[in-house]
Amino acid sequence: MTSEQLPELSGKVALITGASRGIGHGIAEALVARGDRVCITGRDEDSLKKAVEQLGAERVIGVAGKAHDEAHQALAVERTMEAFGRVDFLVNNAGTNPVFGPIADLDLNIARKVFETNVVSALGFAQRTWHAWQKDNGGAIVNIASVAGVAASPFIGAYGISKAAMINLTLQLAHEYAPGVRVNAIAPAVVKTKFAQALYEGREAEAAASYPLARLGVPSDIGGAAAFLTSEQSDWITGQTLVVDGGIFLNAGVG
């Protein structure tokens, strides 16, 4: 995006974790497109630099690090405040799913890693943005959960359990941070990203056929939902989980 194409500044600032690619990048695109300034995080510094260039270095900064690292959490919030002077919106998108198989045989160390990255890190970022800005100035938090957190998910059970915890974390934060900060979650079904590739690679048409809307999700689908939940149009919504699933849950109906 060139400087001539940049929208007028909204005056708002977002911190989005795990946003060098995939869903996080799609959310960053949506918020930059409406005029927000954004800090994105990611593990790989080179990928992060490319993402910043794609999104527009005039309004986007990147902070590399691992989401579960408390020093990284502190640095990301600190850099956002230094660069932009505020952090209105937090989007907890960073996540991991390093295992595929039944939980009966799950290595508990892997389970701990999943929870550290998917849940504990989200709480850490929420605590830090609260104390840095939102406690006194308000704002919104969006937690990226999953449909795996609201139904049984064969072979990705650890991930699903962590996302169920993310949904409950959303409820707890919404209760504690009200009335100044709204906290909601988004639960996507399968979105076409590198992260979810194993769920559809080589069989996308077959996977998409089970969706009433006849396609898998794309990052911009989640970007639009996140933009809504951080906008004035959602000012009376908190503690909710918005399922963005192409209608897949309709298939659980009777008949």
C-alpha atoms as a PDB file:
ATOM      1  CA  MET A   1       0.000   0.000   0.000  1.00  0.00           C
ATOM      2  CA  THR A   2       1.567   3.318  -1.084  1.00  0.00           C
ATOM      3  CA  SER A   3       1.347   6.542   0.914  1.00  0.00           C
ATOM      4  CA  GLU A   4      -1.165   7.855  -1.643  1.00  0.00           C
ATOM      5  CA  GLN A   5      -3.422   4.847  -1.010  1.00  0.00           C
ATOM      6  CA  LEU A   6      -3.351   5.055   2.778  1.00  0.00           C
ATOM      7  CA  PRO A   7      -6.711   5.875   4.397  1.00  0.00           C
ATOM      8  CA  GLU A   8      -7.075   8.768   6.795  1.00  0.00           C
ATOM      9  CA  LEU A   9      -5.825   7.896  10.261  1.00  0.00           C
ATOM     10  CA  SER A  10      -8.532   6.677  12.641  1.00  0.00           C
ATOM     11  CA  GLY A  11      -6.610   7.713  15.740  1.00  0.00           C
ATOM     12  CA  LYS A  12      -6.754   4.126  17.026  1.00  0.00           C
ATOM     13  CA  VAL A  13      -3.938   1.641  17.546  1.00  0.00           C
ATOM     14  CA  ALA A  14      -3.986  -2.170  17.554  1.00  0.00           C
ATOM     15  CA  LEU A  15      -1.554  -4.830  18.722  1.00  0.00           C
ATOM     16  CA  ILE A  16      -2.040  -8.104  16.838  1.00  0.00           C
ATOM     17  CA  THR A  17      -0.103 -11.209  17.819  1.00  0.00           C
ATOM     18  CA  GLY A  18       0.968 -13.834  15.303  1.00  0.00           C
ATOM     19  CA  ALA A  19       0.303 -11.528  12.367  1.00  0.00           C
ATOM     20  CA  SER A  20       3.157 -12.057   9.939  1.00  0.00           C
ATOM     21  CA  ARG A  21       0.879 -14.296   7.858  1.00  0.00           C
ATOM     22  CA  GLY A  22      -2.483 -16.092   7.830  1.00  0.00           C
ATOM     23  CA  ILE A  23      -5.399 -14.966   9.943  1.00  0.00           C
ATOM     24  CA  GLY A  24      -3.370 -12.426  11.906  1.00  0.00           C
ATOM     25  CA  HIS A  25      -2.137 -10.806   8.703  1.00  0.00           C
ATOM     26  CA  GLY A  26      -5.698 -10.699   7.365  1.00  0.00           C
ATOM     27  CA  ILE A  27      -6.822  -8.914  10.533  1.00  0.00           C
ATOM     28  CA  ALA A  28      -3.941  -6.452  10.274  1.00  0.00           C
ATOM     29  CA  GLU A  29      -4.921  -5.694   6.660  1.00  0.00           C
ATOM     30  CA  ALA A  30      -8.503  -4.961   7.712  1.00  0.00           C
ATOM     31  CA  LEU A  31      -7.497  -2.607  10.520  1.00  0.00           C
ATOM     32  CA  VAL A  32      -4.867  -0.773   8.477  1.00  0.00           C
ATOM     33  CA  ALA A  33      -7.427  -0.394   5.678  1.00  0.00           C
ATOM     34  CA  ARG A  34      -9.730   1.555   7.990  1.00  0.00           C
ATOM     35  CA  GLY A  35      -6.921   3.823   9.218  1.00  0.00           C
ATOM     36  CA  ASP A  36      -5.620   2.172  12.378  1.00  0.00           C
ATOM     37  CA  ARG A  37      -1.925   2.059  13.202  1.00  0.00           C
ATOM     38  CA  VAL A  38      -0.792  -1.421  14.076  1.00  0.00           C
ATOM     39  CA  CYS A  39       1.939  -3.374  15.812  1.00  0.00           C
ATOM     40  CA  ILE A  40       2.246  -6.972  14.631  1.00  0.00           C
ATOM     41  CA  THR A  41       4.204  -9.779  16.248  1.00  0.00           C
ATOM     42  CA  GLY A  42       5.608 -13.042  14.944  1.00  0.00           C
ATOM     43  CA  ARG A  43       8.367 -15.537  15.619  1.00  0.00           C
ATOM     44  CA  ASP A  44      10.369 -15.079  12.396  1.00  0.00           C
ATOM     45  CA  GLU A  45      11.992 -11.679  11.989  1.00  0.00           C
ATOM     46  CA  ASP A  46      12.349 -11.894   8.199  1.00  0.00           C
ATOM     47  CA  SER A  47       8.690 -12.850   7.707  1.00  0.00           C
ATOM     48  CA  LEU A  48       7.694 -10.048  10.042  1.00  0.00           C
ATOM     49  CA  LYS A  49       9.704  -7.467   8.072  1.00  0.00           C
ATOM     50  CA  LYS A  50       8.042  -8.582   4.831  1.00  0.00           C
ATOM     51  CA  ALA A  51       4.611  -8.313   6.444  1.00  0.00           C
ATOM     52  CA  VAL A  52       5.355  -4.788   7.698  1.00  0.00           C
ATOM     53  CA  GLU A  53       6.399  -3.761   4.169  1.00  0.00           C
ATOM     54  CA  GLN A  54       3.244  -5.289   2.675  1.00  0.00           C
ATOM     55  CA  LEU A  55       0.990  -3.580   5.199  1.00  0.00           C
ATOM     56  CA  GLY A  56       2.769  -0.216   5.026  1.00  0.00           C
ATOM     57  CA  ALA A  57       5.758   0.704   7.174  1.00  0.00           C
ATOM     58  CA  GLU A  58       4.359   4.224   7.585  1.00  0.00           C
ATOM     59  CA  ARG A  59       1.733   2.856   9.979  1.00  0.00           C
ATOM     60  CA  VAL A  60       2.859  -0.625  10.974  1.00  0.00           C
ATOM     61  CA  ILE A  61       5.686  -1.857  13.175  1.00  0.00           C
ATOM     62  CA  GLY A  62       6.775  -5.398  13.937  1.00  0.00           C
ATOM     63  CA  VAL A  63       8.175  -6.948  17.107  1.00  0.00           C
ATOM     64  CA  ALA A  64       9.678 -10.417  16.722  1.00  0.00           C
ATOM     65  CA  GLY A  65       9.469 -13.014  19.471  1.00  0.00           C
ATOM     66  CA  LYS A  66       7.612 -16.002  20.862  1.00  0.00           C
ATOM     67  CA  ALA A  67       4.132 -15.253  22.167  1.00  0.00           C
ATOM     68  CA  HIS A  68       4.585 -17.210  25.406  1.00  0.00           C
ATOM     69  CA  ASP A  69       7.792 -15.321  26.283  1.00  0.00           C
ATOM     70  CA  GLU A  70       6.910 -12.742  28.943  1.00  0.00           C
ATOM     71  CA  ALA A  71       9.842 -10.536  27.953  1.00  0.00           C
ATOM     72  CA  HIS A  72       8.508 -10.487  24.392  1.00  0.00           C
ATOM     73  CA  GLN A  73       5.015  -9.602  25.630  1.00  0.00           C
ATOM     74  CA  ALA A  74       6.405  -6.679  27.617  1.00  0.00           C
ATOM     75  CA  LEU A  75       8.551  -5.501  24.691  1.00  0.00           C
ATOM     76  CA  ALA A  76       5.664  -5.641  22.196  1.00  0.00           C
ATOM     77  CA  VAL A  77       3.443  -3.485  24.399  1.00  0.00           C
ATOM     78  CA  GLU A  78       6.320  -1.136  25.201  1.00  0.00           C
ATOM     79  CA  ARG A  79       7.228  -0.655  21.534  1.00  0.00           C
ATOM     80  CA  THR A  80       3.591  -0.047  20.619  1.00  0.00           C
ATOM     81  CA  MET A  81       3.302   2.653  23.261  1.00  0.00           C
ATOM     82  CA  GLU A  82       6.614   4.209  22.219  1.00  0.00           C
ATOM     83  CA  ALA A  83       5.703   4.267  18.525  1.00  0.00           C
ATOM     84  CA  PHE A  84       2.036   5.250  18.734  1.00  0.00           C
ATOM     85  CA  GLY A  85       1.344   6.435  22.285  1.00  0.00           C
ATOM     86  CA  ARG A  86      -1.610   4.139  22.887  1.00  0.00           C
ATOM     87  CA  VAL A  87      -2.945   0.593  22.388  1.00  0.00           C
ATOM     88  CA  ASP A  88      -6.718   0.623  21.958  1.00  0.00           C
ATOM     89  CA  PHE A  89      -7.163  -2.876  20.574  1.00  0.00           C
ATOM     90  CA  LEU A  90      -5.513  -6.193  21.331  1.00  0.00           C
ATOM     91  CA  VAL A  91      -6.032  -9.167  19.027  1.00  0.00           C
ATOM     92  CA  ASN A  92      -4.735 -12.410  20.529  1.00  0.00           C
ATOM     93  CA  ASN A  93      -4.163 -14.491  17.422  1.00  0.00           C
ATOM     94  CA  ALA A  94      -0.860 -16.283  18.060  1.00  0.00           C
ATOM     95  CA  GLY A  95      -1.367 -20.004  18.377  1.00  0.00           C
ATOM     96  CA  THR A  96       0.169 -23.412  17.858  1.00  0.00           C
ATOM     97  CA  ASN A  97      -0.980 -26.947  17.101  1.00  0.00           C
ATOM     98  CA  PRO A  98       2.133 -29.134  16.976  1.00  0.00           C
ATOM     99  CA  VAL A  99       0.419 -32.502  17.256  1.00  0.00           C
ATOM    100  CA  PHE A 100      -2.195 -34.502  15.334  1.00  0.00           C
ATOM    101  CA  GLY A 101      -3.622 -37.581  17.021  1.00  0.00           C
ATOM    102  CA  PRO A 102      -5.755 -38.890  19.899  1.00  0.00           C
ATOM    103  CA  ILE A 103      -5.323 -37.246  23.292  1.00  0.00           C
ATOM    104  CA  ALA A 104      -5.103 -40.702  24.925  1.00  0.00           C
ATOM    105  CA  ASP A 105      -1.485 -40.800  23.720  1.00  0.00           C
ATOM    106  CA  LEU A 106      -0.717 -37.086  23.975  1.00  0.00           C
ATOM    107  CA  ASP A 107       2.667 -36.104  25.383  1.00  0.00           C
ATOM    108  CA  LEU A 108       1.828 -33.887  28.350  1.00  0.00           C
ATOM    109  CA  ASN A 109       4.786 -31.641  27.621  1.00  0.00           C
ATOM    110  CA  ILE A 110       3.217 -30.892  24.241  1.00  0.00           C
ATOM    111  CA  ALA A 111      -0.093 -30.167  25.970  1.00  0.00           C
ATOM    112  CA  ARG A 112       1.701 -27.689  28.223  1.00  0.00           C
ATOM    113  CA  LYS A 113       3.290 -26.010  25.203  1.00  0.00           C
ATOM    114  CA  VAL A 114      -0.099 -25.672  23.493  1.00  0.00           C
ATOM    115  CA  PHE A 115      -1.634 -24.041  26.566  1.00  0.00           C
ATOM    116  CA  GLU A 116       1.358 -21.747  27.131  1.00  0.00           C
ATOM    117  CA  THR A 117       1.142 -20.420  23.585  1.00  0.00           C
ATOM    118  CA  ASN A 118      -2.613 -20.457  22.991  1.00  0.00           C
ATOM    119  CA  VAL A 119      -3.985 -19.425  26.389  1.00  0.00           C
ATOM    120  CA  VAL A 120      -1.406 -18.200  28.892  1.00  0.00           C
ATOM    121  CA  SER A 121       0.199 -15.860  26.364  1.00  0.00           C
ATOM    122  CA  ALA A 122      -3.203 -14.340  25.571  1.00  0.00           C
ATOM    123  CA  LEU A 123      -3.742 -13.632  29.253  1.00  0.00           C
ATOM    124  CA  GLY A 124      -0.260 -12.118  29.497  1.00  0.00           C
ATOM    125  CA  PHE A 125      -0.870  -9.738  26.589  1.00  0.00           C
ATOM    126  CA  ALA A 126      -4.305  -8.831  27.991  1.00  0.00           C
ATOM    127  CA  GLN A 127      -2.768  -7.978  31.364  1.00  0.00           C
ATOM    128  CA  ARG A 128      -0.072  -5.819  29.811  1.00  0.00           C
ATOM    129  CA  THR A 129      -2.314  -3.857  27.449  1.00  0.00           C
ATOM    130  CA  TRP A 130      -4.740  -3.327  30.336  1.00  0.00           C
ATOM    131  CA  HIS A 131      -2.097  -1.754  32.548  1.00  0.00           C
ATOM    132  CA  ALA A 132      -0.386   0.165  29.721  1.00  0.00           C
ATOM    133  CA  TRP A 133      -3.478   1.866  28.299  1.00  0.00           C
ATOM    134  CA  GLN A 134      -6.880   0.220  28.415  1.00  0.00           C
ATOM    135  CA  LYS A 135      -7.506   0.406  32.172  1.00  0.00           C
ATOM    136  CA  ASP A 136      -7.692   4.202  32.051  1.00  0.00           C
ATOM    137  CA  ASN A 137      -8.681   4.773  28.426  1.00  0.00           C
ATOM    138  CA  GLY A 138     -10.861   1.865  27.334  1.00  0.00           C
ATOM    139  CA  GLY A 139     -10.635  -0.257  24.225  1.00  0.00           C
ATOM    140  CA  ALA A 140     -11.393  -3.760  22.997  1.00  0.00           C
ATOM    141  CA  ILE A 141      -9.826  -7.209  22.965  1.00  0.00           C
ATOM    142  CA  VAL A 142     -10.516  -9.914  20.399  1.00  0.00           C
ATOM    143  CA  ASN A 143      -9.367 -13.468  21.117  1.00  0.00           C
ATOM    144  CA  ILE A 144      -9.066 -15.817  18.167  1.00  0.00           C
ATOM    145  CA  ALA A 145     -10.564 -19.107  19.311  1.00  0.00           C
ATOM    146  CA  SER A 146     -11.823 -21.870  17.004  1.00  0.00           C
ATOM    147  CA  VAL A 147     -14.832 -24.037  16.284  1.00  0.00           C
ATOM    148  CA  ALA A 148     -12.601 -26.740  17.779  1.00  0.00           C
ATOM    149  CA  GLY A 149     -13.242 -25.029  21.101  1.00  0.00           C
ATOM    150  CA  VAL A 150     -17.022 -25.434  20.937  1.00  0.00           C
ATOM    151  CA  ALA A 151     -17.269 -29.037  19.717  1.00  0.00           C
ATOM    152  CA  ALA A 152     -15.274 -32.243  19.876  1.00  0.00           C
ATOM    153  CA  SER A 153     -12.375 -32.144  17.435  1.00  0.00           C
ATOM    154  CA  PRO A 154     -10.900 -35.563  16.641  1.00  0.00           C
ATOM    155  CA  PHE A 155      -7.110 -35.587  16.255  1.00  0.00           C
ATOM    156  CA  ILE A 156      -6.657 -31.939  17.310  1.00  0.00           C
ATOM    157  CA  GLY A 157      -7.972 -32.393  20.838  1.00  0.00           C
ATOM    158  CA  ALA A 158      -5.230 -30.464  22.646  1.00  0.00           C
ATOM    159  CA  TYR A 159      -5.769 -27.511  20.334  1.00  0.00           C
ATOM    160  CA  GLY A 160      -9.544 -27.705  20.826  1.00  0.00           C
ATOM    161  CA  ILE A 161      -9.237 -27.828  24.605  1.00  0.00           C
ATOM    162  CA  SER A 162      -6.957 -24.784  24.558  1.00  0.00           C
ATOM    163  CA  LYS A 163      -9.443 -22.887  22.400  1.00  0.00           C
ATOM    164  CA  ALA A 164     -12.272 -23.787  24.783  1.00  0.00           C
ATOM    165  CA  ALA A 165     -10.114 -22.257  27.501  1.00  0.00           C
ATOM    166  CA  MET A 166      -9.642 -19.189  25.300  1.00  0.00           C
ATOM    167  CA  ILE A 167     -13.422 -18.804  25.095  1.00  0.00           C
ATOM    168  CA  ASN A 168     -13.727 -18.967  28.880  1.00  0.00           C
ATOM    169  CA  LEU A 169     -10.825 -16.527  29.219  1.00  0.00           C
ATOM    170  CA  THR A 170     -12.863 -14.193  27.019  1.00  0.00           C
ATOM    171  CA  LEU A 171     -15.781 -14.419  29.452  1.00  0.00           C
ATOM    172  CA  GLN A 172     -13.578 -13.799  32.487  1.00  0.00           C
ATOM    173  CA  LEU A 173     -11.838 -10.791  30.935  1.00  0.00           C
ATOM    174  CA  ALA A 174     -15.116  -9.353  29.654  1.00  0.00           C
ATOM    175  CA  HIS A 175     -16.515  -9.480  33.183  1.00  0.00           C
ATOM    176  CA  GLU A 176     -13.436  -7.991  34.847  1.00  0.00           C
ATOM    177  CA  TYR A 177     -12.588  -5.345  32.254  1.00  0.00           C
ATOM    178  CA  ALA A 178     -16.108  -3.938  31.865  1.00  0.00           C
ATOM    179  CA  PRO A 179     -17.320  -1.300  31.336  1.00  0.00           C
ATOM    180  CA  GLY A 180     -14.305   0.315  29.707  1.00  0.00           C
ATOM    181  CA  VAL A 181     -12.958  -2.599  27.700  1.00  0.00           C
ATOM    182  CA  ARG A 182     -15.041  -4.982  25.627  1.00  0.00           C
ATOM    183  CA  VAL A 183     -13.711  -8.519  25.188  1.00  0.00           C
ATOM    184  CA  ASN A 184     -14.996 -10.921  22.547  1.00  0.00           C
ATOM    185  CA  ALA A 185     -13.782 -13.992  20.676  1.00  0.00           C
ATOM    186  CA  ILE A 186     -13.977 -15.239  17.105  1.00  0.00           C
ATOM    187  CA  ALA A 187     -14.270 -18.988  16.458  1.00  0.00           C
ATOM    188  CA  PRO A 188     -13.323 -19.721  12.849  1.00  0.00           C
ATOM    189  CA  ALA A 189     -13.787 -23.016  11.056  1.00  0.00           C
ATOM    190  CA  VAL A 190     -11.097 -24.044   8.559  1.00  0.00           C
ATOM    191  CA  VAL A 191      -9.409 -21.007   7.047  1.00  0.00           C
ATOM    192  CA  LYS A 192      -6.992 -21.375   4.132  1.00  0.00           C
ATOM    193  CA  THR A 193      -3.668 -20.662   5.813  1.00  0.00           C
ATOM    194  CA  LYS A 194      -0.354 -22.461   6.157  1.00  0.00           C
ATOM    195  CA  PHE A 195      -1.307 -23.163   9.780  1.00  0.00           C
ATOM    196  CA  ALA A 196      -4.418 -25.139   8.747  1.00  0.00           C
ATOM    197  CA  GLN A 197      -2.992 -26.631   5.546  1.00  0.00           C
ATOM    198  CA  ALA A 198      -2.962 -30.203   6.863  1.00  0.00           C
ATOM    199  CA  LEU A 199      -6.756 -30.071   7.191  1.00  0.00           C
ATOM    200  CA  TYR A 200      -7.414 -29.473   3.488  1.00  0.00           C
ATOM    201  CA  GLU A 201      -4.229 -29.879   1.441  1.00  0.00           C
ATOM    202  CA  GLY A 202      -4.839 -32.058  -1.605  1.00  0.00           C
ATOM    203  CA  ARG A 203      -8.568 -32.290  -0.853  1.00  0.00           C
ATOM    204  CA  GLU A 204      -9.819 -28.707  -0.742  1.00  0.00           C
ATOM    205  CA  ALA A 205     -12.860 -29.324  -2.951  1.00  0.00           C
ATOM    206  CA  GLU A 206     -13.876 -32.271  -0.800  1.00  0.00           C
ATOM    207  CA  ALA A 207     -13.362 -30.296   2.409  1.00  0.00           C
ATOM    208  CA  ALA A 208     -15.292 -27.299   1.086  1.00  0.00           C
ATOM    209  CA  ALA A 209     -18.215 -29.448  -0.074  1.00  0.00           C
ATOM    210  CA  SER A 210     -19.328 -29.994   3.525  1.00  0.00           C
ATOM    211  CA  TYR A 211     -19.780 -26.245   4.071  1.00  0.00           C
ATOM    212  CA  PRO A 212     -23.214 -24.786   3.234  1.00  0.00           C
ATOM    213  CA  LEU A 213     -21.456 -21.722   1.771  1.00  0.00           C
ATOM    214  CA  ALA A 214     -19.417 -24.100  -0.416  1.00  0.00           C
ATOM    215  CA  ARG A 215     -15.951 -22.799   0.377  1.00  0.00           C
ATOM    216  CA  LEU A 216     -13.326 -22.699   3.081  1.00  0.00           C
ATOM    217  CA  GLY A 217     -12.602 -19.474   4.874  1.00  0.00           C
ATOM    218  CA  VAL A 218      -9.902 -16.978   3.906  1.00  0.00           C
ATOM    219  CA  PRO A 219      -8.049 -14.597   6.242  1.00  0.00           C
ATOM    220  CA  SER A 220     -10.115 -11.582   5.146  1.00  0.00           C
ATOM    221  CA  ASP A 221     -13.259 -13.315   6.463  1.00  0.00           C
ATOM    222  CA  ILE A 222     -11.778 -13.189   9.949  1.00  0.00           C
ATOM    223  CA  GLY A 223     -10.329  -9.733   9.334  1.00  0.00           C
ATOM    224  CA  GLY A 224     -13.813  -8.373   8.696  1.00  0.00           C
ATOM    225  CA  ALA A 225     -15.146  -9.948  11.876  1.00  0.00           C
ATOM    226  CA  ALA A 226     -12.278  -8.535  13.940  1.00  0.00           C
ATOM    227  CA  ALA A 227     -12.775  -5.094  12.412  1.00  0.00           C
ATOM    228  CA  PHE A 228     -16.436  -5.221  13.445  1.00  0.00           C
ATOM    229  CA  LEU A 229     -15.665  -6.313  17.012  1.00  0.00           C
ATOM    230  CA  THR A 230     -13.198  -3.432  17.410  1.00  0.00           C
ATOM    231  CA  SER A 231     -15.552  -0.847  15.932  1.00  0.00           C
ATOM    232  CA  GLU A 232     -18.218   1.456  17.330  1.00  0.00           C
ATOM    233  CA  GLN A 233     -20.832  -0.739  15.635  1.00  0.00           C
ATOM    234  CA  SER A 234     -20.157  -3.393  18.302  1.00  0.00           C
ATOM    235  CA  ASP A 235     -20.144  -1.039  21.291  1.00  0.00           C
ATOM    236  CA  TRP A 236     -22.869  -3.039  23.100  1.00  0.00           C
ATOM    237  CA  ILE A 237     -21.274  -6.443  22.559  1.00  0.00           C
ATOM    238  CA  THR A 238     -18.974  -8.069  25.080  1.00  0.00           C
ATOM    239  CA  GLY A 239     -18.282 -11.578  26.344  1.00  0.00           C
ATOM    240  CA  GLN A 240     -19.459 -13.154  23.096  1.00  0.00           C
ATOM    241  CA  THR A 241     -17.932 -15.718  20.757  1.00  0.00           C
ATOM    242  CA  LEU A 242     -18.695 -15.029  17.107  1.00  0.00           C
ATOM    243  CA  VAL A 243     -18.627 -18.270  15.118  1.00  0.00           C
ATOM    244  CA  VAL A 244     -17.370 -17.632  11.579  1.00  0.00           C
ATOM    245  CA  ASP A 245     -17.726 -21.028   9.952  1.00  0.00           C
ATOM    246  CA  GLY A 246     -19.285 -20.862   6.488  1.00  0.00           C
ATOM    247  CA  GLY A 247     -22.360 -22.512   7.994  1.00  0.00           C
ATOM    248  CA  ILE A 248     -20.618 -25.792   8.886  1.00  0.00           C
ATOM    249  CA  PHE A 249     -22.449 -26.073  12.211  1.00  0.00           C
ATOM    250  CA  LEU A 250     -25.752 -26.108  10.333  1.00  0.00           C
ATOM    251  CA  ASN A 251     -24.895 -29.667   9.383  1.00  0.00           C
ATOM    252  CA  ALA A 252     -25.329 -30.701  13.004  1.00  0.00           C
ATOM    253  CA  GLY A 253     -29.061 -30.031  12.788  1.00  0.00           C
ATOM    254  CA  VAL A 254     -31.803 -32.661  12.750  1.00  0.00           C
ATOM    255  CA  GLY A 255     -32.800 -34.127   9.406  1.00  0.00           C
END
